[in-house]
Amino acid sequence: MLHNDKDGAVDYTQGIEYYNGLRRLNKPVTMITYKGENHGIMKDVNKKDYAVRMLEFFDHYLKGEPAPDWWENGIDLLDMEQHLEERAF
């Protein structure tokens, strides 16, 4: 699930509530948030990162590949900028 912190169409807290509701129902969900992005993704680095994450998601669920490390262990907020730079093409 993608929900950015500056979304002008849907309040950010609503996205968090929806995510938490899915987690409480034991649904397989991951929430991706890009800092400073609106309802869509405008920054090229975020577009590329999102595309790769979607490929990893479908590789895991459709091809049976192992879940990526970021998914299993998460990324600390303080490490996010470096993590995005490492994943950039």
C-alpha atoms as a PDB file:
ATOM      1  CA  MET A   1       0.000   0.000   0.000  1.00  0.00           C
ATOM      2  CA  LEU A   2       1.298   3.449  -0.885  1.00  0.00           C
ATOM      3  CA  HIS A   3       0.275   6.467   1.156  1.00  0.00           C
ATOM      4  CA  ASN A   4       2.464   9.565   1.220  1.00  0.00           C
ATOM      5  CA  ASP A   5       2.730  11.978   4.121  1.00  0.00           C
ATOM      6  CA  LYS A   6       1.699  15.097   2.145  1.00  0.00           C
ATOM      7  CA  ASP A   7      -1.293  13.494   0.432  1.00  0.00           C
ATOM      8  CA  GLY A   8      -3.790  16.229  -0.388  1.00  0.00           C
ATOM      9  CA  ALA A   9      -6.611  13.841  -1.269  1.00  0.00           C
ATOM     10  CA  VAL A  10      -6.623  11.465   1.715  1.00  0.00           C
ATOM     11  CA  ASP A  11      -5.518  12.412   5.218  1.00  0.00           C
ATOM     12  CA  TYR A  12      -2.315  10.615   6.177  1.00  0.00           C
ATOM     13  CA  THR A  13      -3.785   9.339   9.448  1.00  0.00           C
ATOM     14  CA  GLN A  14      -6.560   7.601   7.485  1.00  0.00           C
ATOM     15  CA  GLY A  15      -3.926   5.654   5.584  1.00  0.00           C
ATOM     16  CA  ILE A  16      -2.300   4.607   8.838  1.00  0.00           C
ATOM     17  CA  GLU A  17      -5.668   3.526  10.254  1.00  0.00           C
ATOM     18  CA  TYR A  18      -6.408   1.466   7.145  1.00  0.00           C
ATOM     19  CA  TYR A  19      -2.963  -0.146   7.321  1.00  0.00           C
ATOM     20  CA  ASN A  20      -3.395  -0.974  11.002  1.00  0.00           C
ATOM     21  CA  GLY A  21      -6.868  -2.400  10.348  1.00  0.00           C
ATOM     22  CA  LEU A  22      -5.475  -4.740   7.700  1.00  0.00           C
ATOM     23  CA  ARG A  23      -2.704  -5.806  10.077  1.00  0.00           C
ATOM     24  CA  ARG A  24      -5.239  -6.546  12.820  1.00  0.00           C
ATOM     25  CA  LEU A  25      -7.071  -8.783  10.338  1.00  0.00           C
ATOM     26  CA  ASN A  26      -3.775 -10.598   9.653  1.00  0.00           C
ATOM     27  CA  LYS A  27      -3.740  -9.508   6.003  1.00  0.00           C
ATOM     28  CA  PRO A  28      -0.389  -9.418   4.203  1.00  0.00           C
ATOM     29  CA  VAL A  29       0.171  -5.677   3.848  1.00  0.00           C
ATOM     30  CA  THR A  30       3.137  -3.370   3.596  1.00  0.00           C
ATOM     31  CA  MET A  31       2.826   0.394   3.787  1.00  0.00           C
ATOM     32  CA  ILE A  32       5.224   2.538   1.807  1.00  0.00           C
ATOM     33  CA  THR A  33       5.381   6.266   2.535  1.00  0.00           C
ATOM     34  CA  TYR A  34       7.544   8.770   0.691  1.00  0.00           C
ATOM     35  CA  LYS A  35       8.317  11.923   2.644  1.00  0.00           C
ATOM     36  CA  GLY A  36       7.063  15.086   0.979  1.00  0.00           C
ATOM     37  CA  GLU A  37       5.118  13.333  -1.787  1.00  0.00           C
ATOM     38  CA  ASN A  38       1.467  14.088  -2.522  1.00  0.00           C
ATOM     39  CA  HIS A  39      -1.228  11.654  -3.717  1.00  0.00           C
ATOM     40  CA  GLY A  40       1.064  10.421  -6.497  1.00  0.00           C
ATOM     41  CA  ILE A  41       4.810  10.038  -6.815  1.00  0.00           C
ATOM     42  CA  MET A  42       6.670  12.890  -8.529  1.00  0.00           C
ATOM     43  CA  LYS A  43      10.350  12.431  -7.597  1.00  0.00           C
ATOM     44  CA  ASP A  44      12.231  10.126  -9.956  1.00  0.00           C
ATOM     45  CA  VAL A  45      14.139   8.389  -7.160  1.00  0.00           C
ATOM     46  CA  ASN A  46      10.848   7.513  -5.449  1.00  0.00           C
ATOM     47  CA  LYS A  47       9.249   6.332  -8.707  1.00  0.00           C
ATOM     48  CA  LYS A  48      12.162   3.972  -9.324  1.00  0.00           C
ATOM     49  CA  ASP A  49      12.182   2.764  -5.743  1.00  0.00           C
ATOM     50  CA  TYR A  50       8.434   2.074  -5.805  1.00  0.00           C
ATOM     51  CA  ALA A  51       8.726   0.149  -9.091  1.00  0.00           C
ATOM     52  CA  VAL A  52      11.477  -2.068  -7.666  1.00  0.00           C
ATOM     53  CA  ARG A  53       9.521  -2.678  -4.456  1.00  0.00           C
ATOM     54  CA  MET A  54       6.447  -3.727  -6.457  1.00  0.00           C
ATOM     55  CA  LEU A  55       8.583  -6.144  -8.480  1.00  0.00           C
ATOM     56  CA  GLU A  56       9.964  -7.603  -5.257  1.00  0.00           C
ATOM     57  CA  PHE A  57       6.454  -7.929  -3.836  1.00  0.00           C
ATOM     58  CA  PHE A  58       5.150  -9.817  -6.876  1.00  0.00           C
ATOM     59  CA  ASP A  59       8.305 -11.915  -7.150  1.00  0.00           C
ATOM     60  CA  HIS A  60       7.665 -13.068  -3.607  1.00  0.00           C
ATOM     61  CA  TYR A  61       3.931 -13.747  -3.944  1.00  0.00           C
ATOM     62  CA  LEU A  62       3.812 -15.006  -7.528  1.00  0.00           C
ATOM     63  CA  LYS A  63       7.204 -16.621  -8.046  1.00  0.00           C
ATOM     64  CA  GLY A  64       7.846 -17.844  -4.518  1.00  0.00           C
ATOM     65  CA  GLU A  65      11.104 -15.931  -4.134  1.00  0.00           C
ATOM     66  CA  PRO A  66      12.197 -14.987  -0.610  1.00  0.00           C
ATOM     67  CA  ALA A  67      10.871 -11.734   0.779  1.00  0.00           C
ATOM     68  CA  PRO A  68      13.383  -8.876   0.490  1.00  0.00           C
ATOM     69  CA  ASP A  69      15.262  -7.766   3.584  1.00  0.00           C
ATOM     70  CA  TRP A  70      13.518  -4.367   3.745  1.00  0.00           C
ATOM     71  CA  TRP A  71      10.208  -6.183   3.943  1.00  0.00           C
ATOM     72  CA  GLU A  72      11.208  -8.692   6.599  1.00  0.00           C
ATOM     73  CA  ASN A  73      13.142  -6.298   8.830  1.00  0.00           C
ATOM     74  CA  GLY A  74      11.924  -2.835   7.848  1.00  0.00           C
ATOM     75  CA  ILE A  75      14.068   0.261   7.458  1.00  0.00           C
ATOM     76  CA  ASP A  76      14.769   2.671  10.298  1.00  0.00           C
ATOM     77  CA  LEU A  77      13.660   6.207   9.498  1.00  0.00           C
ATOM     78  CA  LEU A  78      17.159   7.516  10.165  1.00  0.00           C
ATOM     79  CA  ASP A  79      18.557   5.087   7.576  1.00  0.00           C
ATOM     80  CA  MET A  80      15.898   5.692   4.917  1.00  0.00           C
ATOM     81  CA  GLU A  81      17.754   8.310   2.876  1.00  0.00           C
ATOM     82  CA  GLN A  82      20.830   6.110   2.588  1.00  0.00           C
ATOM     83  CA  HIS A  83      18.658   3.081   1.814  1.00  0.00           C
ATOM     84  CA  LEU A  84      16.953   4.933  -1.060  1.00  0.00           C
ATOM     85  CA  GLU A  85      20.308   6.070  -2.454  1.00  0.00           C
ATOM     86  CA  GLU A  86      21.634   2.500  -2.397  1.00  0.00           C
ATOM     87  CA  ARG A  87      18.585   1.263  -4.316  1.00  0.00           C
ATOM     88  CA  ALA A  88      18.721   4.023  -6.962  1.00  0.00           C
ATOM     89  CA  PHE A  89      19.615   2.928 -10.481  1.00  0.00           C
END
